[in-house]
Structures are given as C-alpha cells and as structure tokens.
Amino acid sequence: MITQDTFPCLFGWMQSFTDLPMIQENHPPKDKLTTKFQDTWNHNPLLPQDPYHKATARFWVKFGDDKVIPSIWSAFLKQGKEQEDAIDEAIENLKLLEEQLKGKKFFGGDKIGLTDLALGWLANLVPVFEQIVGMKIIDEERFPSLLAWMHEFAQVAIIKESLPPHDKLIVKFQVLRDRHLSK
C-alpha cells in the first residue's frame, strides 16, 4: 500500500494526480466497476445474486482493502515492537476471514467470486512476506480454513498461470523491505 509514510514523493504525486476532475470522471469507483462487470458478463458472475450475500461479499472486499492489506503490509515493513503490534493486528483481521471461510472452499462457496479475487494476494504474498521476515503468520493451527483456501485458490489453473514466480517475489520484496528499513 502506498502511503504518505512509506513513499512520500510518490504518494504526493499520486494524490495530486487523482484529485484532477478529469481523472475522477473517467475512473469510476470500484463498486461501479464491479456492477458494470456483473451486468456485462453475467454468465459468470463475480457476486452472488442474492442482495444480502452480494452486500456481504462487498463488505469483505472493503475489509480486505481497509484492514487486511494495511495490517499485513505494516507487519512486513516494521521491526521490533512495532512489528509485533502490527502482526497482532494482522492476526485479529485474519481471524475474521478465517470465520468467514469455515466450511467453504471459497469465500462465495464452491466457486471463486469477487472476495476471493480481492483477497487472492494473500495466497501469493503472505508466504513471501513470512519467508523474508522469518516468522509464520498464517499457520495450520490458527488458520486452517484460510490456509486451505490459500492453497486451493493458488491451484486454480488460471490463477496458477498468472502468479509471478515465488523466487522473484522474494528478491523484489526483500529489496523493497531493505530500502524501507534503511530510511
């Protein structure tokens, strides 16, 4: 996640760029994009038809954006006591995801939906972050459903073909973390 603290120059540039009226008009919010996709390609919907389940899926997507990404990212980019606190926060957020997955193959049930796609980065990046930092955040004991989902999601053919190689991600994120910590 790009924030004022992590990348001040880039954040400032992006902020001024995204505030332009032309950009705001031409880039609808994610919710509108999801609705457009849903209406255009309704033969393979990303969201359930039931309004309650649709709202629930949207909630978990927003929860991932607002809570899970920042807490995992913070745990990755911190050290010492700050890192421990960030890991605790990440674990609390992941517990909520664990509860949502109990008894299900994917967040939406038997097939991949919007929530799975929005949280799919967990399957690829959390193992990378764990390896670099040297600690396990998502383990079988605390998060059996989440871990099973991560493996299941990563094995879907189209997902598996699209994921970058683990070793290249290790190099990339190790450099990123080292640069961040050297400031």
C-alpha atoms as a PDB file:
ATOM      1  CA  MET A   1       0.000   0.000   0.000  1.00  0.00           C
ATOM      2  CA  ILE A   2       1.328   3.404  -0.894  1.00  0.00           C
ATOM      3  CA  THR A   3       1.008   5.830   1.994  1.00  0.00           C
ATOM      4  CA  GLN A   4       2.477   9.164   2.960  1.00  0.00           C
ATOM      5  CA  ASP A   5       4.863   7.380   5.353  1.00  0.00           C
ATOM      6  CA  THR A   6       6.144   4.664   3.031  1.00  0.00           C
ATOM      7  CA  PHE A   7       6.559   6.589  -0.225  1.00  0.00           C
ATOM      8  CA  PRO A   8       6.138  10.335   0.409  1.00  0.00           C
ATOM      9  CA  CYS A   9       7.152  11.563  -3.069  1.00  0.00           C
ATOM     10  CA  LEU A  10       5.079   9.007  -4.933  1.00  0.00           C
ATOM     11  CA  PHE A  11       2.122   9.483  -2.595  1.00  0.00           C
ATOM     12  CA  GLY A  12       2.127  13.241  -3.142  1.00  0.00           C
ATOM     13  CA  TRP A  13       2.311  12.847  -6.893  1.00  0.00           C
ATOM     14  CA  MET A  14      -0.464  10.246  -6.944  1.00  0.00           C
ATOM     15  CA  GLN A  15      -2.648  12.320  -4.639  1.00  0.00           C
ATOM     16  CA  SER A  16      -2.393  15.410  -6.845  1.00  0.00           C
ATOM     17  CA  PHE A  17      -2.925  13.289  -9.958  1.00  0.00           C
ATOM     18  CA  THR A  18      -6.037  11.531  -8.658  1.00  0.00           C
ATOM     19  CA  ASP A  19      -7.573  14.821  -7.478  1.00  0.00           C
ATOM     20  CA  LEU A  20      -7.873  16.081 -11.052  1.00  0.00           C
ATOM     21  CA  PRO A  21     -11.547  16.299 -12.111  1.00  0.00           C
ATOM     22  CA  MET A  22     -10.785  14.616 -15.438  1.00  0.00           C
ATOM     23  CA  ILE A  23      -9.312  11.584 -13.657  1.00  0.00           C
ATOM     24  CA  GLN A  24     -12.205  11.361 -11.212  1.00  0.00           C
ATOM     25  CA  GLU A  25     -14.750  11.497 -14.053  1.00  0.00           C
ATOM     26  CA  ASN A  26     -13.008   8.847 -16.140  1.00  0.00           C
ATOM     27  CA  HIS A  27     -12.261   6.373 -13.353  1.00  0.00           C
ATOM     28  CA  PRO A  28     -15.420   5.214 -11.612  1.00  0.00           C
ATOM     29  CA  PRO A  29     -15.215   3.759  -8.098  1.00  0.00           C
ATOM     30  CA  LYS A  30     -14.609   0.010  -7.715  1.00  0.00           C
ATOM     31  CA  ASP A  31     -18.257  -0.534  -6.805  1.00  0.00           C
ATOM     32  CA  LYS A  32     -19.416   0.871 -10.136  1.00  0.00           C
ATOM     33  CA  LEU A  33     -16.822  -1.203 -11.994  1.00  0.00           C
ATOM     34  CA  THR A  34     -17.979  -4.352 -10.236  1.00  0.00           C
ATOM     35  CA  THR A  35     -21.591  -3.598 -11.145  1.00  0.00           C
ATOM     36  CA  LYS A  36     -20.568  -2.961 -14.762  1.00  0.00           C
ATOM     37  CA  PHE A  37     -18.679  -6.279 -14.921  1.00  0.00           C
ATOM     38  CA  GLN A  38     -21.619  -8.034 -13.310  1.00  0.00           C
ATOM     39  CA  ASP A  39     -24.055  -6.599 -15.864  1.00  0.00           C
ATOM     40  CA  THR A  40     -21.800  -7.153 -18.878  1.00  0.00           C
ATOM     41  CA  TRP A  41     -20.558 -10.676 -18.104  1.00  0.00           C
ATOM     42  CA  ASN A  42     -23.485 -12.071 -16.160  1.00  0.00           C
ATOM     43  CA  HIS A  43     -22.904 -15.629 -17.427  1.00  0.00           C
ATOM     44  CA  ASN A  44     -20.062 -15.984 -14.896  1.00  0.00           C
ATOM     45  CA  PRO A  45     -20.932 -13.583 -12.047  1.00  0.00           C
ATOM     46  CA  LEU A  46     -18.379 -12.366  -9.526  1.00  0.00           C
ATOM     47  CA  LEU A  47     -21.077 -11.503  -6.997  1.00  0.00           C
ATOM     48  CA  PRO A  48     -23.998 -13.603  -5.771  1.00  0.00           C
ATOM     49  CA  GLN A  49     -27.487 -12.692  -6.996  1.00  0.00           C
ATOM     50  CA  ASP A  50     -28.963 -12.524  -3.501  1.00  0.00           C
ATOM     51  CA  PRO A  51     -28.741  -8.892  -2.244  1.00  0.00           C
ATOM     52  CA  TYR A  52     -27.659  -9.915   1.270  1.00  0.00           C
ATOM     53  CA  HIS A  53     -24.855 -12.167   0.002  1.00  0.00           C
ATOM     54  CA  LYS A  54     -23.856  -9.514  -2.530  1.00  0.00           C
ATOM     55  CA  ALA A  55     -23.567  -6.903   0.238  1.00  0.00           C
ATOM     56  CA  THR A  56     -21.617  -9.363   2.384  1.00  0.00           C
ATOM     57  CA  ALA A  57     -19.135 -10.017  -0.431  1.00  0.00           C
ATOM     58  CA  ARG A  58     -18.669  -6.288  -0.956  1.00  0.00           C
ATOM     59  CA  PHE A  59     -18.123  -5.821   2.774  1.00  0.00           C
ATOM     60  CA  TRP A  60     -15.308  -8.410   2.829  1.00  0.00           C
ATOM     61  CA  VAL A  61     -13.669  -6.839  -0.218  1.00  0.00           C
ATOM     62  CA  LYS A  62     -13.689  -3.466   1.558  1.00  0.00           C
ATOM     63  CA  PHE A  63     -12.492  -5.090   4.781  1.00  0.00           C
ATOM     64  CA  GLY A  64      -9.560  -6.555   2.854  1.00  0.00           C
ATOM     65  CA  ASP A  65      -8.690  -3.168   1.374  1.00  0.00           C
ATOM     66  CA  ASP A  66      -9.146  -1.174   4.574  1.00  0.00           C
ATOM     67  CA  LYS A  67      -7.906  -3.574   7.262  1.00  0.00           C
ATOM     68  CA  VAL A  68      -6.086  -6.650   5.972  1.00  0.00           C
ATOM     69  CA  ILE A  69      -3.767  -5.035   3.422  1.00  0.00           C
ATOM     70  CA  PRO A  70      -2.542  -2.271   5.772  1.00  0.00           C
ATOM     71  CA  SER A  71      -2.001  -4.645   8.698  1.00  0.00           C
ATOM     72  CA  ILE A  72      -0.081  -7.264   6.681  1.00  0.00           C
ATOM     73  CA  TRP A  73       1.946  -4.577   4.907  1.00  0.00           C
ATOM     74  CA  SER A  74       2.754  -2.901   8.217  1.00  0.00           C
ATOM     75  CA  ALA A  75       3.855  -6.219   9.741  1.00  0.00           C
ATOM     76  CA  PHE A  76       6.166  -6.704   6.772  1.00  0.00           C
ATOM     77  CA  LEU A  77       7.713  -3.227   6.875  1.00  0.00           C
ATOM     78  CA  LYS A  78       8.240  -2.845  10.632  1.00  0.00           C
ATOM     79  CA  GLN A  79      10.742  -4.247  13.127  1.00  0.00           C
ATOM     80  CA  GLY A  80      10.781  -4.982  16.838  1.00  0.00           C
ATOM     81  CA  LYS A  81       7.823  -3.928  18.994  1.00  0.00           C
ATOM     82  CA  GLU A  82       6.134  -2.099  16.107  1.00  0.00           C
ATOM     83  CA  GLN A  83       6.260  -5.279  14.044  1.00  0.00           C
ATOM     84  CA  GLU A  84       4.859  -7.364  16.907  1.00  0.00           C
ATOM     85  CA  ASP A  85       1.944  -4.936  17.276  1.00  0.00           C
ATOM     86  CA  ALA A  86       1.329  -4.976  13.521  1.00  0.00           C
ATOM     87  CA  ILE A  87       1.386  -8.788  13.475  1.00  0.00           C
ATOM     88  CA  ASP A  88      -1.135  -8.874  16.332  1.00  0.00           C
ATOM     89  CA  GLU A  89      -3.413  -6.556  14.355  1.00  0.00           C
ATOM     90  CA  ALA A  90      -2.977  -8.657  11.211  1.00  0.00           C
ATOM     91  CA  ILE A  91      -3.816 -11.832  13.134  1.00  0.00           C
ATOM     92  CA  GLU A  92      -7.005 -10.263  14.512  1.00  0.00           C
ATOM     93  CA  ASN A  93      -8.063  -9.300  10.981  1.00  0.00           C
ATOM     94  CA  LEU A  94      -7.182 -12.742   9.628  1.00  0.00           C
ATOM     95  CA  LYS A  95      -9.272 -14.391  12.365  1.00  0.00           C
ATOM     96  CA  LEU A  96     -12.326 -12.671  10.927  1.00  0.00           C
ATOM     97  CA  LEU A  97     -11.503 -14.018   7.466  1.00  0.00           C
ATOM     98  CA  GLU A  98     -10.981 -17.472   8.972  1.00  0.00           C
ATOM     99  CA  GLU A  99     -14.503 -17.376  10.408  1.00  0.00           C
ATOM    100  CA  GLN A 100     -15.945 -16.457   7.008  1.00  0.00           C
ATOM    101  CA  LEU A 101     -14.265 -19.424   5.335  1.00  0.00           C
ATOM    102  CA  LYS A 102     -15.252 -22.152   7.802  1.00  0.00           C
ATOM    103  CA  GLY A 103     -16.857 -24.999   5.892  1.00  0.00           C
ATOM    104  CA  LYS A 104     -16.386 -23.363   2.490  1.00  0.00           C
ATOM    105  CA  LYS A 105     -13.944 -23.936  -0.344  1.00  0.00           C
ATOM    106  CA  PHE A 106     -14.006 -20.259  -1.381  1.00  0.00           C
ATOM    107  CA  PHE A 107     -15.470 -17.152   0.228  1.00  0.00           C
ATOM    108  CA  GLY A 108     -18.529 -17.408  -2.010  1.00  0.00           C
ATOM    109  CA  GLY A 109     -18.929 -21.171  -1.582  1.00  0.00           C
ATOM    110  CA  ASP A 110     -17.853 -23.634  -4.260  1.00  0.00           C
ATOM    111  CA  LYS A 111     -16.628 -21.185  -6.873  1.00  0.00           C
ATOM    112  CA  ILE A 112     -14.340 -18.181  -6.963  1.00  0.00           C
ATOM    113  CA  GLY A 113     -16.054 -14.848  -6.543  1.00  0.00           C
ATOM    114  CA  LEU A 114     -15.131 -11.214  -6.085  1.00  0.00           C
ATOM    115  CA  THR A 115     -13.991 -11.649  -2.477  1.00  0.00           C
ATOM    116  CA  ASP A 116     -11.610 -14.439  -3.473  1.00  0.00           C
ATOM    117  CA  LEU A 117     -10.126 -12.323  -6.237  1.00  0.00           C
ATOM    118  CA  ALA A 118      -9.796  -9.280  -3.988  1.00  0.00           C
ATOM    119  CA  LEU A 119      -8.057 -11.294  -1.262  1.00  0.00           C
ATOM    120  CA  GLY A 120      -6.166 -13.606  -3.604  1.00  0.00           C
ATOM    121  CA  TRP A 121      -2.909 -11.750  -2.996  1.00  0.00           C
ATOM    122  CA  LEU A 122      -2.815 -13.463   0.415  1.00  0.00           C
ATOM    123  CA  ALA A 123      -2.139 -16.800  -1.285  1.00  0.00           C
ATOM    124  CA  ASN A 124       0.902 -15.459  -3.094  1.00  0.00           C
ATOM    125  CA  LEU A 125       2.382 -12.672  -0.993  1.00  0.00           C
ATOM    126  CA  VAL A 126       1.921 -13.798   2.607  1.00  0.00           C
ATOM    127  CA  PRO A 127       4.283 -16.784   2.142  1.00  0.00           C
ATOM    128  CA  VAL A 128       6.803 -14.383   0.583  1.00  0.00           C
ATOM    129  CA  PHE A 129       6.489 -11.943   3.491  1.00  0.00           C
ATOM    130  CA  GLU A 130       6.716 -14.784   6.019  1.00  0.00           C
ATOM    131  CA  GLN A 131       9.899 -16.095   4.426  1.00  0.00           C
ATOM    132  CA  ILE A 132      11.544 -12.665   4.337  1.00  0.00           C
ATOM    133  CA  VAL A 133      10.550 -11.702   7.882  1.00  0.00           C
ATOM    134  CA  GLY A 134      11.258 -15.197   9.222  1.00  0.00           C
ATOM    135  CA  MET A 135       8.006 -15.846  11.047  1.00  0.00           C
ATOM    136  CA  LYS A 136       4.773 -17.645  10.350  1.00  0.00           C
ATOM    137  CA  ILE A 137       1.598 -15.560  10.398  1.00  0.00           C
ATOM    138  CA  ILE A 138      -0.865 -17.923   8.732  1.00  0.00           C
ATOM    139  CA  ASP A 139      -0.396 -21.423  10.127  1.00  0.00           C
ATOM    140  CA  GLU A 140      -2.434 -24.631  10.232  1.00  0.00           C
ATOM    141  CA  GLU A 141      -3.185 -24.327  13.936  1.00  0.00           C
ATOM    142  CA  ARG A 142      -4.645 -20.798  13.960  1.00  0.00           C
ATOM    143  CA  PHE A 143      -5.976 -20.559  10.417  1.00  0.00           C
ATOM    144  CA  PRO A 144      -6.793 -23.997   8.967  1.00  0.00           C
ATOM    145  CA  SER A 145      -9.594 -22.731   6.711  1.00  0.00           C
ATOM    146  CA  LEU A 146      -7.645 -19.710   5.484  1.00  0.00           C
ATOM    147  CA  LEU A 147      -4.571 -21.834   4.763  1.00  0.00           C
ATOM    148  CA  ALA A 148      -6.684 -24.409   2.890  1.00  0.00           C
ATOM    149  CA  TRP A 149      -8.296 -21.585   0.897  1.00  0.00           C
ATOM    150  CA  MET A 150      -4.876 -20.129   0.031  1.00  0.00           C
ATOM    151  CA  HIS A 151      -3.701 -23.496  -1.322  1.00  0.00           C
ATOM    152  CA  GLU A 152      -6.970 -24.128  -3.167  1.00  0.00           C
ATOM    153  CA  PHE A 153      -7.022 -20.636  -4.692  1.00  0.00           C
ATOM    154  CA  ALA A 154      -3.383 -20.837  -5.818  1.00  0.00           C
ATOM    155  CA  GLN A 155      -4.041 -24.181  -7.539  1.00  0.00           C
ATOM    156  CA  VAL A 156      -6.830 -22.902  -9.801  1.00  0.00           C
ATOM    157  CA  ALA A 157      -5.324 -23.151 -13.300  1.00  0.00           C
ATOM    158  CA  ILE A 158      -5.870 -19.552 -14.439  1.00  0.00           C
ATOM    159  CA  ILE A 159      -4.625 -18.208 -11.096  1.00  0.00           C
ATOM    160  CA  LYS A 160      -1.597 -20.513 -11.047  1.00  0.00           C
ATOM    161  CA  GLU A 161      -0.607 -19.406 -14.565  1.00  0.00           C
ATOM    162  CA  SER A 162      -0.929 -15.729 -13.615  1.00  0.00           C
ATOM    163  CA  LEU A 163       1.047 -15.693 -10.374  1.00  0.00           C
ATOM    164  CA  PRO A 164       4.620 -14.399 -10.521  1.00  0.00           C
ATOM    165  CA  PRO A 165       7.342 -16.883  -9.507  1.00  0.00           C
ATOM    166  CA  HIS A 166       7.940 -17.107  -5.755  1.00  0.00           C
ATOM    167  CA  ASP A 167      11.715 -16.676  -6.024  1.00  0.00           C
ATOM    168  CA  LYS A 168      11.373 -13.435  -7.999  1.00  0.00           C
ATOM    169  CA  LEU A 169       8.903 -12.082  -5.452  1.00  0.00           C
ATOM    170  CA  ILE A 170      11.350 -12.878  -2.654  1.00  0.00           C
ATOM    171  CA  VAL A 171      14.055 -10.815  -4.358  1.00  0.00           C
ATOM    172  CA  LYS A 172      11.719  -7.927  -5.160  1.00  0.00           C
ATOM    173  CA  PHE A 173      10.156  -7.639  -1.712  1.00  0.00           C
ATOM    174  CA  GLN A 174      13.446  -8.201   0.120  1.00  0.00           C
ATOM    175  CA  VAL A 175      14.889  -5.196  -1.707  1.00  0.00           C
ATOM    176  CA  LEU A 176      11.755  -3.165  -1.014  1.00  0.00           C
ATOM    177  CA  ARG A 177      11.840  -4.024   2.690  1.00  0.00           C
ATOM    178  CA  ASP A 178      15.574  -3.336   2.984  1.00  0.00           C
ATOM    179  CA  ARG A 179      15.166   0.071   1.354  1.00  0.00           C
ATOM    180  CA  HIS A 180      12.258   0.943   3.611  1.00  0.00           C
ATOM    181  CA  LEU A 181      14.062  -0.121   6.786  1.00  0.00           C
ATOM    182  CA  SER A 182      17.250   1.726   5.839  1.00  0.00           C
ATOM    183  CA  LYS A 183      15.463   5.094   5.994  1.00  0.00           C
END
